[in-house]
N, C-alpha and C. Protein backbone atom coordinates (compact mmCIF):
# COMPACT_ATOMS: atom_id res chain seq x y z
N MET A 1 -16.64 -16.73 16.20
CA MET A 1 -15.65 -15.85 16.79
C MET A 1 -14.75 -15.23 15.71
N PHE A 2 -14.30 -16.06 14.76
CA PHE A 2 -13.44 -15.54 13.70
C PHE A 2 -14.21 -14.64 12.74
N TYR A 3 -15.50 -14.89 12.59
CA TYR A 3 -16.31 -14.02 11.74
C TYR A 3 -16.41 -12.61 12.35
N LEU A 4 -16.58 -12.56 13.65
CA LEU A 4 -16.64 -11.28 14.34
C LEU A 4 -15.31 -10.54 14.25
N SER A 5 -14.22 -11.28 14.46
CA SER A 5 -12.90 -10.63 14.39
C SER A 5 -12.59 -10.15 12.98
N THR A 6 -13.01 -10.89 11.97
CA THR A 6 -12.82 -10.45 10.58
C THR A 6 -13.60 -9.17 10.30
N GLY A 7 -14.81 -9.09 10.81
CA GLY A 7 -15.60 -7.87 10.64
C GLY A 7 -14.98 -6.67 11.34
N VAL A 8 -14.45 -6.88 12.55
CA VAL A 8 -13.81 -5.79 13.28
C VAL A 8 -12.54 -5.34 12.56
N ILE A 9 -11.78 -6.28 12.02
CA ILE A 9 -10.57 -5.94 11.27
C ILE A 9 -10.93 -5.13 10.03
N LEU A 10 -11.99 -5.52 9.34
CA LEU A 10 -12.41 -4.77 8.16
C LEU A 10 -12.86 -3.36 8.52
N LEU A 11 -13.55 -3.22 9.66
CA LEU A 11 -13.96 -1.90 10.11
C LEU A 11 -12.73 -1.04 10.45
N ALA A 12 -11.78 -1.63 11.15
CA ALA A 12 -10.55 -0.90 11.47
C ALA A 12 -9.78 -0.53 10.20
N LEU A 13 -9.81 -1.40 9.21
CA LEU A 13 -9.17 -1.12 7.93
C LEU A 13 -9.82 0.08 7.24
N LEU A 14 -11.13 0.14 7.29
CA LEU A 14 -11.84 1.27 6.69
C LEU A 14 -11.50 2.58 7.40
N ILE A 15 -11.46 2.56 8.72
CA ILE A 15 -11.12 3.76 9.49
C ILE A 15 -9.69 4.19 9.19
N THR A 16 -8.79 3.24 9.06
CA THR A 16 -7.39 3.56 8.79
C THR A 16 -7.20 4.13 7.39
N VAL A 17 -7.96 3.64 6.42
CA VAL A 17 -7.89 4.19 5.06
C VAL A 17 -8.36 5.65 5.07
N VAL A 18 -9.40 5.94 5.83
CA VAL A 18 -9.87 7.33 5.95
C VAL A 18 -8.77 8.18 6.57
N ARG A 19 -8.08 7.65 7.59
CA ARG A 19 -6.98 8.39 8.22
C ARG A 19 -5.84 8.62 7.24
N ALA A 20 -5.56 7.64 6.39
CA ALA A 20 -4.48 7.79 5.41
C ALA A 20 -4.82 8.86 4.38
N VAL A 21 -6.07 8.96 4.01
CA VAL A 21 -6.47 9.96 3.02
C VAL A 21 -6.50 11.36 3.63
N ARG A 22 -6.96 11.47 4.86
CA ARG A 22 -7.13 12.78 5.49
C ARG A 22 -5.91 13.26 6.27
N GLY A 23 -4.91 12.40 6.48
CA GLY A 23 -3.76 12.73 7.32
C GLY A 23 -3.15 14.07 6.99
N PRO A 24 -2.96 14.93 7.99
CA PRO A 24 -2.44 16.26 7.68
C PRO A 24 -0.96 16.26 7.28
N THR A 25 -0.19 15.31 7.76
CA THR A 25 1.24 15.28 7.41
C THR A 25 1.58 13.98 6.71
N VAL A 26 2.76 13.97 6.12
CA VAL A 26 3.24 12.78 5.43
C VAL A 26 3.45 11.64 6.42
N PHE A 27 3.93 11.96 7.61
CA PHE A 27 4.20 10.92 8.58
C PHE A 27 2.93 10.27 9.10
N ASP A 28 1.83 11.03 9.16
CA ASP A 28 0.54 10.43 9.50
C ASP A 28 0.12 9.43 8.44
N ARG A 29 0.37 9.77 7.20
CA ARG A 29 0.00 8.87 6.10
C ARG A 29 0.88 7.62 6.09
N VAL A 30 2.17 7.78 6.40
CA VAL A 30 3.06 6.62 6.46
C VAL A 30 2.65 5.70 7.60
N LEU A 31 2.32 6.28 8.75
CA LEU A 31 1.86 5.48 9.88
C LEU A 31 0.56 4.76 9.55
N ALA A 32 -0.34 5.44 8.86
CA ALA A 32 -1.60 4.80 8.46
C ALA A 32 -1.35 3.67 7.47
N SER A 33 -0.42 3.86 6.55
CA SER A 33 -0.13 2.77 5.59
C SER A 33 0.52 1.59 6.29
N ASN A 34 1.34 1.85 7.29
CA ASN A 34 1.92 0.76 8.06
C ASN A 34 0.84 0.02 8.84
N THR A 35 -0.11 0.74 9.38
CA THR A 35 -1.23 0.13 10.09
C THR A 35 -2.11 -0.68 9.14
N ILE A 36 -2.29 -0.18 7.93
CA ILE A 36 -3.04 -0.93 6.92
C ILE A 36 -2.35 -2.26 6.63
N GLY A 37 -1.02 -2.23 6.53
CA GLY A 37 -0.28 -3.48 6.31
C GLY A 37 -0.44 -4.45 7.46
N THR A 38 -0.42 -3.95 8.69
CA THR A 38 -0.60 -4.82 9.85
C THR A 38 -2.00 -5.41 9.89
N LEU A 39 -3.00 -4.59 9.58
CA LEU A 39 -4.37 -5.08 9.55
C LEU A 39 -4.57 -6.08 8.41
N ALA A 40 -3.87 -5.90 7.31
CA ALA A 40 -3.96 -6.86 6.20
C ALA A 40 -3.39 -8.21 6.63
N ILE A 41 -2.33 -8.19 7.42
CA ILE A 41 -1.76 -9.44 7.93
C ILE A 41 -2.76 -10.13 8.85
N LEU A 42 -3.39 -9.37 9.74
CA LEU A 42 -4.40 -9.94 10.62
C LEU A 42 -5.59 -10.49 9.83
N LEU A 43 -5.97 -9.77 8.77
CA LEU A 43 -7.06 -10.24 7.93
C LEU A 43 -6.70 -11.54 7.21
N LEU A 44 -5.47 -11.63 6.73
CA LEU A 44 -5.01 -12.86 6.09
C LEU A 44 -5.04 -14.03 7.08
N ALA A 45 -4.59 -13.80 8.30
CA ALA A 45 -4.59 -14.86 9.30
C ALA A 45 -6.02 -15.28 9.64
N SER A 46 -6.91 -14.32 9.78
CA SER A 46 -8.29 -14.63 10.11
C SER A 46 -8.98 -15.40 8.98
N ILE A 47 -8.76 -14.97 7.76
CA ILE A 47 -9.35 -15.69 6.61
C ILE A 47 -8.73 -17.08 6.48
N GLY A 48 -7.44 -17.19 6.79
CA GLY A 48 -6.80 -18.50 6.76
C GLY A 48 -7.41 -19.47 7.76
N PHE A 49 -7.74 -18.97 8.95
CA PHE A 49 -8.40 -19.83 9.93
C PHE A 49 -9.83 -20.16 9.52
N LEU A 50 -10.52 -19.20 8.93
CA LEU A 50 -11.90 -19.45 8.50
C LEU A 50 -11.98 -20.48 7.39
N THR A 51 -11.04 -20.44 6.47
CA THR A 51 -11.07 -21.37 5.33
C THR A 51 -10.22 -22.61 5.56
N ASP A 52 -9.64 -22.73 6.76
CA ASP A 52 -8.80 -23.89 7.13
C ASP A 52 -7.61 -24.05 6.17
N ARG A 53 -6.95 -22.92 5.89
CA ARG A 53 -5.77 -22.92 5.03
C ARG A 53 -4.62 -22.24 5.77
N PRO A 54 -3.79 -23.00 6.47
CA PRO A 54 -2.72 -22.41 7.28
C PRO A 54 -1.61 -21.75 6.46
N GLU A 55 -1.56 -22.00 5.17
CA GLU A 55 -0.52 -21.36 4.36
C GLU A 55 -0.72 -19.85 4.24
N PHE A 56 -1.90 -19.36 4.58
CA PHE A 56 -2.13 -17.92 4.60
C PHE A 56 -1.26 -17.24 5.65
N LEU A 57 -0.90 -17.96 6.71
CA LEU A 57 -0.02 -17.40 7.72
C LEU A 57 1.38 -17.14 7.16
N ASP A 58 1.86 -18.04 6.30
CA ASP A 58 3.15 -17.83 5.65
C ASP A 58 3.11 -16.60 4.75
N ILE A 59 2.02 -16.44 4.04
CA ILE A 59 1.86 -15.26 3.19
C ILE A 59 1.83 -14.00 4.04
N GLY A 60 1.17 -14.08 5.19
CA GLY A 60 1.10 -12.93 6.09
C GLY A 60 2.46 -12.56 6.66
N LEU A 61 3.27 -13.55 7.01
CA LEU A 61 4.62 -13.27 7.51
C LEU A 61 5.49 -12.62 6.44
N THR A 62 5.39 -13.12 5.23
CA THR A 62 6.16 -12.53 4.13
C THR A 62 5.71 -11.09 3.87
N TYR A 63 4.42 -10.87 3.91
CA TYR A 63 3.89 -9.52 3.70
C TYR A 63 4.33 -8.59 4.83
N GLY A 64 4.43 -9.11 6.04
CA GLY A 64 4.89 -8.30 7.17
C GLY A 64 6.32 -7.84 6.99
N LEU A 65 7.19 -8.72 6.50
CA LEU A 65 8.58 -8.32 6.25
C LEU A 65 8.66 -7.28 5.13
N LEU A 66 7.87 -7.46 4.09
CA LEU A 66 7.85 -6.47 3.01
C LEU A 66 7.29 -5.13 3.49
N ASN A 67 6.32 -5.18 4.38
CA ASN A 67 5.75 -3.96 4.93
C ASN A 67 6.80 -3.20 5.74
N LEU A 68 7.59 -3.90 6.53
CA LEU A 68 8.63 -3.27 7.32
C LEU A 68 9.69 -2.62 6.44
N ILE A 69 10.16 -3.34 5.44
CA ILE A 69 11.18 -2.81 4.53
C ILE A 69 10.63 -1.61 3.75
N GLY A 70 9.39 -1.71 3.30
CA GLY A 70 8.78 -0.61 2.56
C GLY A 70 8.61 0.64 3.41
N THR A 71 8.25 0.46 4.66
CA THR A 71 8.10 1.62 5.55
C THR A 71 9.43 2.31 5.77
N PHE A 72 10.48 1.53 5.99
CA PHE A 72 11.81 2.13 6.16
C PHE A 72 12.25 2.86 4.90
N ALA A 73 11.96 2.30 3.74
CA ALA A 73 12.36 2.94 2.49
C ALA A 73 11.61 4.27 2.28
N VAL A 74 10.34 4.27 2.57
CA VAL A 74 9.55 5.51 2.40
C VAL A 74 10.02 6.58 3.36
N LEU A 75 10.27 6.21 4.62
CA LEU A 75 10.75 7.19 5.59
C LEU A 75 12.12 7.73 5.23
N LYS A 76 13.01 6.86 4.72
CA LYS A 76 14.33 7.33 4.30
C LYS A 76 14.21 8.29 3.11
N PHE A 77 13.30 7.98 2.20
CA PHE A 77 13.11 8.86 1.05
C PHE A 77 12.59 10.23 1.48
N PHE A 78 11.64 10.26 2.39
CA PHE A 78 11.10 11.55 2.83
C PHE A 78 12.09 12.33 3.67
N ARG A 79 12.99 11.65 4.37
CA ARG A 79 13.96 12.37 5.19
C ARG A 79 15.11 12.93 4.36
N HIS A 80 15.64 12.11 3.42
CA HIS A 80 16.83 12.50 2.68
C HIS A 80 16.54 12.88 1.23
N GLY A 81 15.37 12.56 0.72
CA GLY A 81 15.03 12.87 -0.66
C GLY A 81 15.65 11.92 -1.66
N ASP A 82 16.30 10.86 -1.17
CA ASP A 82 16.97 9.91 -2.04
C ASP A 82 17.14 8.60 -1.28
N LEU A 83 16.89 7.48 -1.94
CA LEU A 83 17.07 6.19 -1.29
C LEU A 83 18.52 5.78 -1.20
N ALA A 84 19.38 6.39 -2.02
CA ALA A 84 20.80 6.04 -2.03
C ALA A 84 21.62 7.03 -1.20
N TYR A 85 21.01 7.68 -0.23
CA TYR A 85 21.70 8.65 0.61
C TYR A 85 22.78 7.95 1.41
N ASP A 86 23.99 8.51 1.38
CA ASP A 86 25.12 7.95 2.11
C ASP A 86 25.73 9.05 2.97
N VAL A 87 25.79 8.82 4.27
CA VAL A 87 26.29 9.83 5.21
C VAL A 87 27.77 10.10 4.95
N GLU A 88 28.55 9.05 4.72
CA GLU A 88 29.99 9.24 4.50
C GLU A 88 30.26 10.02 3.23
N GLU A 89 29.46 9.80 2.22
CA GLU A 89 29.65 10.54 0.96
C GLU A 89 29.32 12.01 1.14
N LYS A 90 28.32 12.33 1.92
CA LYS A 90 27.94 13.72 2.14
C LYS A 90 28.95 14.46 3.00
N GLU A 91 29.63 13.75 3.89
CA GLU A 91 30.61 14.38 4.77
C GLU A 91 32.01 14.34 4.19
N GLY A 92 32.19 13.75 3.03
CA GLY A 92 33.51 13.71 2.40
C GLY A 92 34.41 12.61 2.90
N LYS A 93 33.86 11.59 3.55
CA LYS A 93 34.68 10.51 4.09
C LYS A 93 34.67 9.27 3.21
N ALA A 94 34.11 9.38 2.02
CA ALA A 94 34.01 8.21 1.15
C ALA A 94 35.37 7.81 0.63
N TRP A 95 35.54 6.52 0.40
CA TRP A 95 36.80 6.00 -0.16
C TRP A 95 36.91 6.42 -1.61
N LYS A 96 38.08 6.80 -1.99
CA LYS A 96 38.26 7.23 -3.38
C LYS A 96 39.31 6.40 -4.07
């Protein structure tokens, strides 16, 4: 059962990589990269069960948090052009 699920995850990973390369917009590519991260977590969990190593789940959880933070950072960069964008500074409300 886990061998079949690992194969399906790898197939989905291949399709998602094609989508990331061909994506017409930046947001399609960001969504595809986020999906690649999610599929990588599923692949880690599946391989962890196959090899009887439950510590792969901890690695998958850590990678999931990094994937979330990275996605937010990339989207903020594409929206504002800067990771240090501050709304109050742009509107003149910053403390001086």
